[in-house]
Protein backbone atom coordinates (compact mmCIF):
# COMPACT_ATOMS: atom_id res chain seq x y z
CA GLN A 1 0.00 0.00 0.00
CA LEU A 2 2.94 2.34 0.68
CA ASN A 3 4.09 1.65 -2.89
CA SER A 4 0.73 2.90 -4.23
CA ILE A 5 1.01 6.11 -2.23
CA PHE A 6 4.50 6.77 -3.66
CA GLN A 7 3.22 6.14 -7.21
CA ILE A 8 0.36 8.60 -6.68
CA LEU A 9 2.76 11.21 -5.26
CA ALA A 10 5.16 10.67 -8.16
CA SER A 11 2.30 11.04 -10.66
CA CYS A 12 1.20 14.27 -8.96
CA ALA A 13 4.78 15.56 -9.09
CA VAL A 14 4.95 14.81 -12.82
CA VAL A 15 1.65 16.65 -13.43
CA VAL A 16 2.81 19.66 -11.40
CA SER A 17 6.11 19.68 -13.31
CA LEU A 18 4.29 19.56 -16.65
CA VAL A 19 1.98 22.43 -15.66
CA TYR A 20 4.97 24.48 -14.51
CA LEU A 21 6.83 23.72 -17.74
CA ALA A 22 3.79 24.73 -19.81
CA LEU A 23 3.52 28.02 -17.92
CA GLN A 24 7.23 28.72 -18.38
CA THR A 25 7.04 27.91 -22.10
CA ARG A 26 4.03 30.18 -22.52
CA GLN A 27 5.80 33.03 -20.71
CA ALA A 28 8.94 32.55 -22.80
CA ALA A 29 6.84 32.69 -25.99
CA ARG A 30 5.18 35.91 -24.82
CA ASN A 31 8.54 37.45 -23.99
CA GLN A 32 9.88 36.47 -27.42
CA GLN A 33 6.86 38.02 -29.14
CA ALA A 34 7.26 41.21 -27.11
CA GLN A 35 10.92 41.40 -28.16
CA MET A 36 9.97 40.82 -31.77
CA HIS A 37 7.32 43.57 -31.66
CA ALA A 38 9.83 45.95 -30.06
CA MET A 39 12.38 45.20 -32.81
CA ARG A 40 9.70 45.69 -35.46
CA LEU A 41 8.74 49.03 -33.94
CA GLN A 42 12.40 50.07 -33.82
CA SER A 43 12.73 49.20 -37.51
CA VAL A 44 9.70 51.35 -38.35
CA ARG A 45 11.08 54.22 -36.28
CA GLU A 46 14.39 53.97 -38.13
CA ASP A 47 12.61 54.02 -41.50
CA VAL A 48 10.61 57.09 -40.44
CA ARG A 49 13.78 58.79 -39.21
CA ARG A 50 15.52 58.17 -42.54
CA LEU A 51 12.49 59.21 -44.59
CA SER A 52 12.06 62.42 -42.61
CA ASP A 53 15.69 63.48 -43.02
CA PRO A 54 15.48 66.95 -44.64
CA ASP A 55 18.37 66.11 -46.98
CA PHE A 56 16.63 62.94 -48.18
CA GLN A 57 13.07 64.31 -48.43
CA PRO A 58 13.44 65.84 -51.93
CA VAL A 59 15.03 62.62 -53.20
CA TYR A 60 12.26 60.51 -51.66
CA ARG A 61 9.45 62.67 -53.06
CA ALA A 62 11.07 62.73 -56.52
CA GLY A 63 11.70 58.99 -56.40
CA MET A 64 8.14 58.17 -55.36
CA ALA A 65 6.89 60.34 -58.22
CA ALA A 66 9.28 58.54 -60.63
CA ASP A 67 10.76 61.92 -61.55
CA ALA A 68 12.73 61.51 -64.78
CA ASP A 69 15.17 64.22 -63.66
CA LEU A 70 16.58 62.22 -60.73
CA THR A 71 20.35 62.04 -60.91
CA PRO A 72 21.92 58.57 -60.84
CA ASP A 73 23.09 59.19 -57.26
CA ALA A 74 19.65 60.34 -56.13
CA ALA A 75 17.98 57.43 -57.93
CA THR A 76 20.36 55.03 -56.17
CA GLN A 77 19.53 56.60 -52.81
CA PHE A 78 15.83 56.24 -53.50
CA MET A 79 16.14 52.69 -54.79
CA LEU A 80 18.10 51.58 -51.71
CA MET A 81 15.48 53.09 -49.43
CA ALA A 82 12.65 51.50 -51.43
CA TYR A 83 14.44 48.13 -51.29
CA SER A 84 14.88 48.49 -47.54
CA LEU A 85 11.15 49.17 -47.17
CA MET A 86 10.29 46.18 -49.35
CA ILE A 87 12.50 43.88 -47.28
CA SER A 88 10.87 45.21 -44.12
CA PHE A 89 7.36 44.59 -45.50
CA GLN A 90 8.45 41.15 -46.70
CA GLU A 91 9.77 40.23 -43.25
CA GLN A 92 6.55 41.36 -41.59
CA PHE A 93 4.56 39.35 -44.14
CA HIS A 94 6.59 36.22 -43.36
CA GLN A 95 6.15 36.77 -39.63
CA PHE A 96 2.40 36.98 -40.20
CA GLN A 97 2.38 33.84 -42.35
CA GLU A 98 4.36 31.94 -39.73
CA GLY A 99 1.97 32.99 -36.97
CA MET A 100 4.54 35.17 -35.23
CA ILE A 101 2.40 38.30 -35.55
CA SER A 102 -1.37 38.50 -35.56
CA ALA A 103 -3.60 39.73 -38.36
CA ARG A 104 -4.30 42.76 -36.16
CA ARG A 105 -0.60 43.68 -36.36
CA TRP A 106 -0.15 42.71 -40.03
CA GLU A 107 -3.14 44.56 -41.52
CA PRO A 108 -1.79 48.10 -40.82
CA SER A 109 1.53 47.09 -42.40
CA LYS A 110 -0.31 45.66 -45.40
CA HIS A 111 -2.24 48.93 -45.71
CA ALA A 112 1.04 50.89 -45.57
CA LEU A 113 2.47 48.64 -48.30
CA ARG A 114 -0.65 49.22 -50.39
CA ARG A 115 -0.20 52.99 -49.91
CA GLN A 116 3.44 52.78 -51.07
CA LEU A 117 2.30 50.88 -54.16
CA THR A 118 0.12 53.81 -55.23
CA PHE A 119 3.29 55.70 -56.16
CA PRO A 120 4.84 55.06 -59.58
CA GLY A 121 8.40 55.23 -58.25
CA PHE A 122 7.74 52.55 -55.64
CA ARG A 123 6.08 50.35 -58.26
CA ALA A 124 9.13 50.84 -60.51
CA ALA A 125 11.41 49.90 -57.61
CA PHE A 126 9.31 46.78 -57.00
CA ALA A 127 9.61 45.84 -60.67
CA THR A 128 13.38 46.36 -60.44
CA TYR A 129 13.85 44.26 -57.29
CA ARG A 130 11.10 41.72 -57.91
CA LEU A 131 13.51 38.84 -58.59
CA ASP A 132 15.36 39.59 -55.33
CA LEU A 133 12.19 39.10 -53.26
CA ASP A 134 10.51 35.95 -52.00
CA PRO A 135 7.93 34.58 -54.50
CA THR A 136 5.14 34.46 -51.89
CA PHE A 137 5.71 38.12 -51.06
CA VAL A 138 5.86 38.98 -54.77
CA ALA A 139 2.50 37.23 -55.18
CA LEU A 140 1.03 39.37 -52.41
CA VAL A 141 2.34 42.56 -54.02
CA VAL A 142 0.98 41.52 -57.41
CA GLN A 143 -2.40 40.87 -55.77
CA LEU A 144 -2.33 44.31 -54.09
CA LEU A 145 -1.42 45.94 -57.40
CA ALA A 146 -4.37 44.21 -59.05
CA GLU A 147 -6.67 45.42 -56.25
CA LEU A 148 -5.38 48.97 -56.64
CA LYS A 149 -6.40 48.96 -60.31
CA THR A 150 -10.03 48.38 -59.30
CA SER A 151 -10.21 50.40 -56.07
CA PRO A 152 -10.48 54.11 -55.43
CA VAL A 153 -7.23 56.03 -55.56
CA ILE A 154 -5.52 56.33 -52.20
CA GLN A 155 -4.49 59.93 -51.74
CA SER A 156 -1.04 60.81 -50.53
CA THR A 157 -0.69 61.21 -46.80
CA TYR A 158 0.08 64.89 -47.34
CA VAL A 159 -3.19 65.45 -49.22
CA GLN A 160 -5.10 63.54 -46.54
CA TRP A 161 -3.39 65.46 -43.74
CA LYS A 162 -4.08 68.77 -45.47
CA GLN A 163 -7.79 67.91 -45.81
CA HIS A 164 -8.01 66.88 -42.14
CA ALA A 165 -6.13 70.01 -41.04
CA ASP A 166 -8.52 72.19 -43.08
CA GLU A 167 -11.49 70.43 -41.45
CA GLU A 168 -10.01 70.96 -37.98
CA ARG A 169 -9.40 74.65 -38.64
CA ALA A 170 -12.96 75.03 -39.94
CA ALA A 171 -14.34 73.28 -36.83
CA ILE A 172 -12.35 75.59 -34.56
CA ALA A 173 -13.49 78.66 -36.53
CA ALA A 174 -17.12 77.50 -36.24
CA LEU A 175 -16.79 77.40 -32.45
CA ALA A 176 -15.41 80.92 -32.25
């Protein structure tokens, strides 16, 4: 009978160990996801910092517009930035596909990619680097491009901001 008690205690110890291990694994997975989200956010911040550099802004705007007057150096600067953005979007897409980020986190990135694809210079950069990108990501971009042909035009963020700012000023003036 003492043997039975020891077997029951041993079984209970195994169950407690398994529960503890499951909790530890779950916590480790959450910590890893938090680190990944922090790194993703840092990458976005770095992109925004580079894109908002006053010296790069004219190059970026001209590149996005596919300005034929871009110098070879300026075109190279733009192309490298566009490639960097594509790789970033591609990585986020793969993280979404692999279940590392949720649809809630992927959809805003997908919308940002769609917005970039409304610009002829970004589309030209995609066409240039297409063979350097993963085929599943290329398929997504091709799908987004097809959707853009049949959807309303997405205005530039500047145009949208200007409209919202005008509305805000009008609302303030109406209160006065």
